[in-house]
Amino acid sequence: MALPAHSPGYAGAYMFNADWAKIQRGLGAKYWVDDLAALKVTPKTGGTREVNIAAGIGGGHGILDTNDATATVQLPTVASGTSYFMIVLKRTWGVTQASTFGYIAAGTSSATLPTRATDPGNTADDQPLALVSLASGSTNPVVVADLRAIGHGKDELLAFDERVLQYINWPGARVTIGEKQWFRRINIAGNAFEWATTDNTVVLATGTAWTGAVKAGWAISTCVGRKVRIGPGFWLVDAFMEFQRTGACIQPNKTTGGMTDADTNAVQLLVGWRPTSDRRIAMAYLGKDNDTTDIAATLVGRQDGAGFGYISRAGTVAMGISGTPRININRNVLATDHRSLSCTDTYFTAE
């Protein structure tokens, strides 16, 4: 849906003195809205899969968009389950030279924002406004996240939901969400940008983002880490890791009950996440006592073992300390539970 007012900033578009006074508020900012009410997305009461976009001013990439009255966007029918859609303000250059409201299908997960147009000044660019969900058979969308960024400065913005950090990702950006301020900085290795908070907490990792080499026969189920700076050159790391045994069953020593270290060195952590000294840690694992068969479609025969492993200062995460309960670590082929080993640890690391 096209905006009912003009959008100065496109080639050939006329601009009044008042337009220039407004557009200067966001000069240098890639995306912004004017205030708490501007372009806010809400479900349309009595609508058919529709959301309203409030009147107000927004801008991005040198374009000033003024929405004079409430606009409406209608979502498509959802065949089954629940689907997500990102409501956007689309700016189109070239022949079109205009701004419109629309949506981008975001699949069945609300965690990650969908791919959007990002070619300002040439073809098109989408400014996220909200993430909404719609269930099959329903005509009432639900606003899951307000994705607007409010601000009149180049890098200082106010936002409502941490998912905005997925698209406000330019160097030096500062975003205040609730009581926490995020800033976009260069990482410790100097080769990438990362988000950190004013208390120097760095959230780097889901999946394999902060893990290095993975030994054959193992896969990573979950790796989540947080780093908090506690002094010059030192960090406190809070780490949670789960690994899946994809190779052959590992059997414990019949005498000691322990595992052979060489068989269980699962992961090599990246520099920056390694402890300053070797650490012995508690580990839990899923296995079958005296049974070398795979853990297949059900958890029949499941036993949760508790033993010891270690994280070395070289970054090796392993299980293999003598005294581990005598339960085999089987090849895990479960569809819904890929955890074979898991551990949680808090330790120091140095820059």
Protein backbone atom coordinates (compact mmCIF):
# COMPACT_ATOMS: atom_id res chain seq x y z
CA MET A 1 0.00 0.00 0.00
CA ALA A 2 1.38 3.38 -1.03
CA LEU A 3 1.80 6.12 1.53
CA PRO A 4 -0.89 8.81 1.16
CA ALA A 5 1.66 11.62 1.46
CA HIS A 6 4.71 12.47 -0.61
CA SER A 7 8.20 11.21 0.26
CA PRO A 8 10.85 13.86 -0.42
CA GLY A 9 14.36 12.58 -0.98
CA TYR A 10 13.79 10.70 -4.21
CA ALA A 11 15.23 12.20 -7.39
CA GLY A 12 12.90 14.89 -8.72
CA ALA A 13 10.64 14.91 -5.64
CA TYR A 14 9.69 18.38 -4.45
CA MET A 15 10.61 19.43 -0.93
CA PHE A 16 9.12 22.17 1.23
CA ASN A 17 10.98 24.05 3.93
CA ALA A 18 9.06 22.04 6.52
CA ASP A 19 10.15 18.80 4.82
CA TRP A 20 13.79 19.75 5.11
CA ALA A 21 13.30 20.67 8.77
CA LYS A 22 11.89 17.20 9.39
CA ILE A 23 14.35 15.20 7.31
CA GLN A 24 17.34 16.70 9.12
CA ARG A 25 16.20 14.88 12.28
CA GLY A 26 17.41 11.62 10.89
CA LEU A 27 20.21 12.65 8.58
CA GLY A 28 22.89 9.99 8.79
CA ALA A 29 20.59 7.37 10.33
CA LYS A 30 19.82 4.42 8.09
CA TYR A 31 16.39 3.85 9.64
CA TRP A 32 14.29 5.85 12.08
CA VAL A 33 10.77 6.78 13.13
CA ASP A 34 9.86 10.05 14.80
CA ASP A 35 8.23 9.06 18.09
CA LEU A 36 6.41 6.35 20.06
CA ALA A 37 3.29 6.50 17.90
CA ALA A 38 4.83 6.95 14.45
CA LEU A 39 4.18 4.02 12.06
CA LYS A 40 3.28 1.68 14.93
CA VAL A 41 1.79 -1.63 13.75
CA THR A 42 -1.35 -2.99 15.47
CA PRO A 43 -3.94 -5.64 14.53
CA LYS A 44 -6.95 -4.19 12.71
CA THR A 45 -10.07 -4.70 14.80
CA GLY A 46 -12.62 -6.64 12.77
CA GLY A 47 -10.22 -6.96 9.86
CA THR A 48 -9.50 -9.98 7.71
CA ARG A 49 -5.85 -10.88 8.32
CA GLU A 50 -5.05 -7.16 8.42
CA VAL A 51 -2.81 -4.89 10.44
CA ASN A 52 -2.93 -1.13 10.77
CA ILE A 53 0.08 1.15 10.44
CA ALA A 54 -0.35 4.37 12.36
CA ALA A 55 0.15 7.83 10.96
CA GLY A 56 3.50 9.45 11.54
CA ILE A 57 6.93 10.23 10.18
CA GLY A 58 9.75 7.82 9.40
CA GLY A 59 12.86 7.90 7.31
CA GLY A 60 15.79 6.01 5.94
CA HIS A 61 18.66 6.41 3.49
CA GLY A 62 17.88 10.05 2.84
CA ILE A 63 14.14 9.61 2.27
CA LEU A 64 11.49 11.25 4.49
CA ASP A 65 8.18 9.37 4.57
CA THR A 66 5.06 10.97 6.03
CA ASN A 67 2.03 8.76 6.58
CA ASP A 68 -0.95 11.12 6.90
CA ALA A 69 -3.53 8.56 7.97
CA THR A 70 -3.75 4.96 9.21
CA ALA A 71 -2.68 2.53 6.50
CA THR A 72 -3.65 -1.14 6.24
CA VAL A 73 -1.71 -4.21 5.10
CA GLN A 74 -3.49 -7.52 4.49
CA LEU A 75 -1.64 -10.81 5.04
CA PRO A 76 -2.14 -13.97 2.98
CA THR A 77 -4.09 -17.01 4.16
CA VAL A 78 -2.02 -19.46 6.23
CA ALA A 79 -2.61 -23.05 5.13
CA SER A 80 -1.48 -24.78 8.33
CA GLY A 81 0.22 -24.04 11.64
CA THR A 82 1.44 -20.52 12.40
CA SER A 83 3.39 -18.31 10.02
CA TYR A 84 5.28 -15.07 10.63
CA PHE A 85 5.42 -11.94 8.51
CA MET A 86 7.60 -8.85 8.74
CA ILE A 87 5.73 -5.62 8.07
CA VAL A 88 8.00 -3.20 6.20
CA LEU A 89 8.19 0.27 4.76
CA LYS A 90 9.61 -0.36 1.29
CA ARG A 91 11.48 2.40 -0.52
CA THR A 92 11.87 1.89 -4.27
CA TRP A 93 14.16 3.93 -6.46
CA GLY A 94 14.64 3.74 -10.24
CA VAL A 95 11.42 4.31 -12.19
CA THR A 96 9.12 3.99 -9.16
CA GLN A 97 10.63 6.65 -6.86
CA ALA A 98 8.10 6.01 -4.09
CA SER A 99 7.56 4.36 -0.70
CA THR A 100 4.97 1.70 0.11
CA PHE A 101 3.90 -0.49 3.02
CA GLY A 102 4.01 -4.27 2.64
CA TYR A 103 5.07 -7.55 4.21
CA ILE A 104 7.76 -10.20 3.80
CA ALA A 105 7.02 -13.85 4.62
CA ALA A 106 9.20 -14.91 7.57
CA GLY A 107 8.48 -18.65 7.71
CA THR A 108 7.50 -20.53 10.86
CA SER A 109 10.07 -19.18 13.32
CA SER A 110 9.99 -15.85 15.12
CA ALA A 111 13.67 -15.93 16.09
CA THR A 112 15.27 -14.72 12.85
CA LEU A 113 14.12 -11.86 10.66
CA PRO A 114 13.64 -12.76 6.98
CA THR A 115 15.84 -11.64 4.12
CA ARG A 116 14.83 -8.20 2.86
CA ALA A 117 15.77 -5.77 0.11
CA THR A 118 18.93 -3.84 1.01
CA ASP A 119 19.97 -1.84 -2.05
CA PRO A 120 19.17 1.78 -1.15
CA GLY A 121 19.52 4.41 -3.83
CA ASN A 122 19.56 1.85 -6.64
CA THR A 123 16.63 -0.59 -6.51
CA ALA A 124 14.82 -1.03 -3.20
CA ASP A 125 15.31 -1.14 0.57
CA ASP A 126 12.94 -2.45 3.28
CA GLN A 127 12.67 -0.79 6.70
CA PRO A 128 11.33 -3.32 9.27
CA LEU A 129 8.38 -2.08 11.34
CA ALA A 130 7.01 -5.17 13.10
CA LEU A 131 7.00 -8.96 13.18
CA VAL A 132 3.51 -10.45 13.27
CA SER A 133 2.15 -13.97 13.44
CA LEU A 134 -0.97 -15.48 11.88
CA ALA A 135 -2.41 -18.90 12.66
CA SER A 136 -4.18 -21.12 10.16
CA GLY A 137 -7.90 -20.40 10.12
CA SER A 138 -7.49 -17.12 12.02
CA THR A 139 -8.25 -13.67 10.73
CA ASN A 140 -6.53 -11.92 13.63
CA PRO A 141 -2.76 -11.31 13.34
CA VAL A 142 -0.70 -10.96 16.52
CA VAL A 143 2.14 -8.45 16.83
CA VAL A 144 5.10 -10.51 18.08
CA ALA A 145 7.75 -7.79 18.04
CA ASP A 146 7.84 -4.04 17.45
CA LEU A 147 10.86 -3.58 15.16
CA ARG A 148 10.84 0.20 14.90
CA ALA A 149 13.89 2.26 15.85
CA ILE A 150 13.17 5.70 17.28
CA GLY A 151 15.79 8.40 17.15
CA HIS A 152 16.91 11.71 15.71
CA GLY A 153 20.65 11.09 15.72
CA LYS A 154 22.99 9.20 13.46
CA ASP A 155 23.70 6.29 15.79
CA GLU A 156 21.66 6.80 18.99
CA LEU A 157 18.40 4.86 18.71
CA LEU A 158 15.65 3.59 21.01
CA ALA A 159 13.97 0.25 20.32
CA PHE A 160 11.53 -2.24 21.81
CA ASP A 161 12.88 -5.70 20.96
CA GLU A 162 16.37 -7.23 20.65
CA ARG A 163 15.50 -8.61 17.22
CA VAL A 164 16.15 -5.09 15.87
CA LEU A 165 19.86 -5.83 16.36
CA GLN A 166 19.62 -8.17 13.37
CA TYR A 167 19.12 -5.25 10.98
CA ILE A 168 20.55 -2.26 12.89
CA ASN A 169 24.06 -3.62 12.50
CA TRP A 170 26.22 -0.80 11.26
CA PRO A 171 29.51 0.08 13.01
CA GLY A 172 29.12 2.43 15.95
CA ALA A 173 25.35 2.04 16.30
CA ARG A 174 23.97 2.36 19.83
CA VAL A 175 20.54 0.99 20.64
CA THR A 176 18.77 1.31 23.98
CA ILE A 177 16.24 -1.45 24.66
CA GLY A 178 14.56 -1.24 28.04
CA GLU A 179 17.29 -0.70 30.64
CA LYS A 180 20.09 -2.07 28.48
CA GLN A 181 22.17 -0.22 25.91
CA TRP A 182 23.79 -2.13 23.05
CA PHE A 183 26.67 -0.87 20.94
CA ARG A 184 28.23 -2.21 17.74
CA ARG A 185 31.98 -2.57 18.12
CA ILE A 186 35.00 -4.35 16.63
CA ASN A 187 35.62 -7.77 18.18
CA ILE A 188 38.72 -8.74 20.14
CA ALA A 189 40.39 -10.27 17.05
CA GLY A 190 39.84 -7.09 15.06
CA ASN A 191 38.32 -8.92 12.13
CA ALA A 192 34.54 -8.55 12.61
CA PHE A 193 31.86 -6.49 14.30
CA GLU A 194 29.88 -7.67 17.32
CA TRP A 195 27.12 -6.44 19.60
CA ALA A 196 28.01 -5.75 23.22
CA THR A 197 26.21 -4.04 26.08
CA THR A 198 27.36 -1.21 28.28
CA ASP A 199 28.28 -3.73 30.99
CA ASN A 200 30.56 -5.33 28.37
CA THR A 201 28.52 -8.50 28.11
CA VAL A 202 29.11 -10.01 24.68
CA VAL A 203 26.53 -12.41 23.32
CA LEU A 204 28.30 -14.24 20.55
CA ALA A 205 27.12 -17.70 20.33
CA THR A 206 24.38 -19.97 19.34
CA GLY A 207 25.17 -22.96 17.15
CA THR A 208 28.87 -23.17 16.31
CA ALA A 209 29.67 -19.44 16.25
CA TRP A 210 32.33 -19.63 18.96
CA THR A 211 33.58 -23.18 18.53
CA GLY A 212 36.49 -24.28 16.41
CA ALA A 213 37.35 -27.75 15.14
CA VAL A 214 34.90 -30.58 15.84
CA LYS A 215 36.36 -34.07 15.95
CA ALA A 216 35.03 -36.74 13.61
CA GLY A 217 32.32 -38.76 15.29
CA TRP A 218 30.87 -35.75 17.11
CA ALA A 219 28.45 -32.93 16.29
CA ILE A 220 27.42 -29.83 18.20
CA SER A 221 23.84 -29.69 19.45
CA THR A 222 24.06 -26.41 21.39
CA CYS A 223 26.82 -23.97 22.23
CA VAL A 224 25.81 -20.78 23.99
CA GLY A 225 28.28 -18.44 25.65
CA ARG A 226 28.34 -15.07 27.36
CA LYS A 227 31.45 -13.03 28.13
CA VAL A 228 31.56 -10.30 30.75
CA ARG A 229 34.61 -8.07 31.09
CA ILE A 230 35.75 -8.01 34.72
CA GLY A 231 38.98 -6.05 34.36
CA PRO A 232 41.69 -5.08 31.89
CA GLY A 233 42.47 -8.10 29.76
CA PHE A 234 40.17 -10.55 31.60
CA TRP A 235 36.70 -11.89 30.95
CA LEU A 236 34.32 -14.12 32.84
CA VAL A 237 32.81 -16.76 30.55
CA ASP A 238 29.52 -18.52 31.20
CA ALA A 239 29.30 -21.46 28.81
CA PHE A 240 26.75 -24.18 28.08
CA MET A 241 27.58 -26.93 25.59
CA GLU A 242 25.81 -30.04 24.31
CA PHE A 243 27.36 -32.55 21.92
CA GLN A 244 25.91 -35.37 19.87
CA ARG A 245 27.77 -38.64 19.35
CA THR A 246 27.45 -39.39 15.62
CA GLY A 247 30.17 -42.04 15.42
CA ALA A 248 30.39 -45.54 16.80
CA CYS A 249 29.51 -46.37 20.40
CA ILE A 250 32.24 -45.54 22.94
CA GLN A 251 32.56 -48.12 25.70
CA PRO A 252 34.15 -47.39 29.09
CA ASN A 253 37.17 -49.21 30.45
CA LYS A 254 35.86 -52.33 32.18
CA THR A 255 38.19 -51.82 35.14
CA THR A 256 38.16 -48.09 35.78
CA GLY A 257 34.88 -47.14 34.16
CA GLY A 258 36.63 -44.23 32.45
CA MET A 259 36.81 -43.24 28.79
CA THR A 260 39.91 -42.93 26.66
CA ASP A 261 40.69 -39.25 26.21
CA ALA A 262 41.71 -39.69 22.59
CA ASP A 263 38.25 -40.99 21.80
CA THR A 264 36.30 -38.21 23.43
CA ASN A 265 38.02 -34.92 22.59
CA ALA A 266 34.92 -33.49 20.96
CA VAL A 267 35.58 -29.79 20.35
CA GLN A 268 38.43 -27.30 20.12
CA LEU A 269 37.28 -23.87 21.33
CA LEU A 270 38.36 -20.74 19.49
CA VAL A 271 40.91 -18.38 21.00
CA GLY A 272 39.07 -15.86 23.15
CA TRP A 273 36.85 -18.56 24.65
CA ARG A 274 39.59 -20.76 26.16
CA PRO A 275 40.13 -20.82 29.93
CA THR A 276 43.33 -19.44 31.39
CA SER A 277 44.05 -22.84 32.99
CA ASP A 278 42.94 -26.46 32.60
CA ARG A 279 39.56 -27.09 34.18
CA ARG A 280 37.95 -30.27 35.38
CA ILE A 281 34.19 -30.04 34.90
CA ALA A 282 31.08 -32.08 35.59
CA MET A 283 29.45 -33.68 32.57
CA ALA A 284 26.15 -35.38 32.02
CA TYR A 285 25.50 -37.79 29.22
CA LEU A 286 22.89 -40.00 27.67
CA GLY A 287 23.78 -43.67 27.29
CA LYS A 288 22.74 -47.31 27.61
CA ASP A 289 24.27 -49.52 30.26
CA ASN A 290 25.98 -52.60 28.69
CA ASP A 291 24.32 -51.91 25.34
CA THR A 292 26.20 -50.94 22.17
CA THR A 293 23.14 -50.33 19.98
CA ASP A 294 22.15 -46.89 18.72
CA ILE A 295 19.78 -44.72 20.68
CA ALA A 296 17.03 -44.76 18.11
CA ALA A 297 13.41 -43.68 17.90
CA THR A 298 12.58 -43.88 21.60
CA LEU A 299 14.31 -43.29 24.89
CA VAL A 300 13.72 -46.85 26.11
CA GLY A 301 16.79 -47.91 28.04
CA ARG A 302 17.90 -44.34 28.60
CA GLN A 303 20.22 -43.68 31.51
CA ASP A 304 21.60 -40.30 32.40
CA GLY A 305 25.19 -40.61 33.57
CA ALA A 306 27.12 -38.02 35.52
CA GLY A 307 30.88 -37.95 35.24
CA PHE A 308 33.89 -35.69 34.83
CA GLY A 309 35.49 -34.13 31.80
CA TYR A 310 37.63 -31.11 31.19
CA ILE A 311 38.16 -27.91 29.25
CA SER A 312 41.85 -27.38 28.71
CA ARG A 313 43.67 -24.07 28.33
CA ALA A 314 44.27 -25.16 24.73
CA GLY A 315 40.50 -25.11 24.26
CA THR A 316 39.89 -28.86 24.17
CA VAL A 317 36.52 -29.99 25.52
CA ALA A 318 36.70 -33.68 26.41
CA MET A 319 35.29 -36.46 28.52
CA GLY A 320 37.59 -39.18 29.69
CA ILE A 321 38.51 -38.89 33.35
CA SER A 322 38.76 -42.17 35.22
CA GLY A 323 35.74 -42.74 37.41
CA THR A 324 33.09 -41.92 34.86
CA PRO A 325 30.07 -44.23 35.42
CA ARG A 326 30.15 -47.37 33.34
CA ILE A 327 27.56 -46.36 30.77
CA ASN A 328 28.27 -46.51 27.04
CA ILE A 329 28.09 -43.37 24.93
CA ASN A 330 26.03 -44.61 22.03
CA ARG A 331 25.61 -43.22 18.56
CA ASN A 332 22.66 -40.86 18.97
CA VAL A 333 20.19 -40.89 16.08
CA LEU A 334 17.17 -39.56 17.92
CA ALA A 335 15.04 -37.14 15.94
CA THR A 336 14.18 -34.90 18.89
CA ASP A 337 16.98 -35.29 21.45
CA HIS A 338 20.49 -35.03 20.04
CA ARG A 339 22.23 -34.58 23.38
CA SER A 340 24.90 -37.16 24.17
CA LEU A 341 27.16 -35.02 26.38
CA SER A 342 26.37 -31.75 28.09
CA CYS A 343 28.27 -29.47 30.41
CA THR A 344 28.01 -26.04 31.99
CA ASP A 345 30.99 -24.10 33.25
CA THR A 346 32.01 -20.62 34.35
CA TYR A 347 35.66 -19.63 34.05
CA PHE A 348 38.13 -16.84 33.31
CA THR A 349 39.73 -16.15 29.98
CA ALA A 350 42.26 -13.55 28.89
CA GLU A 351 42.41 -11.29 25.88
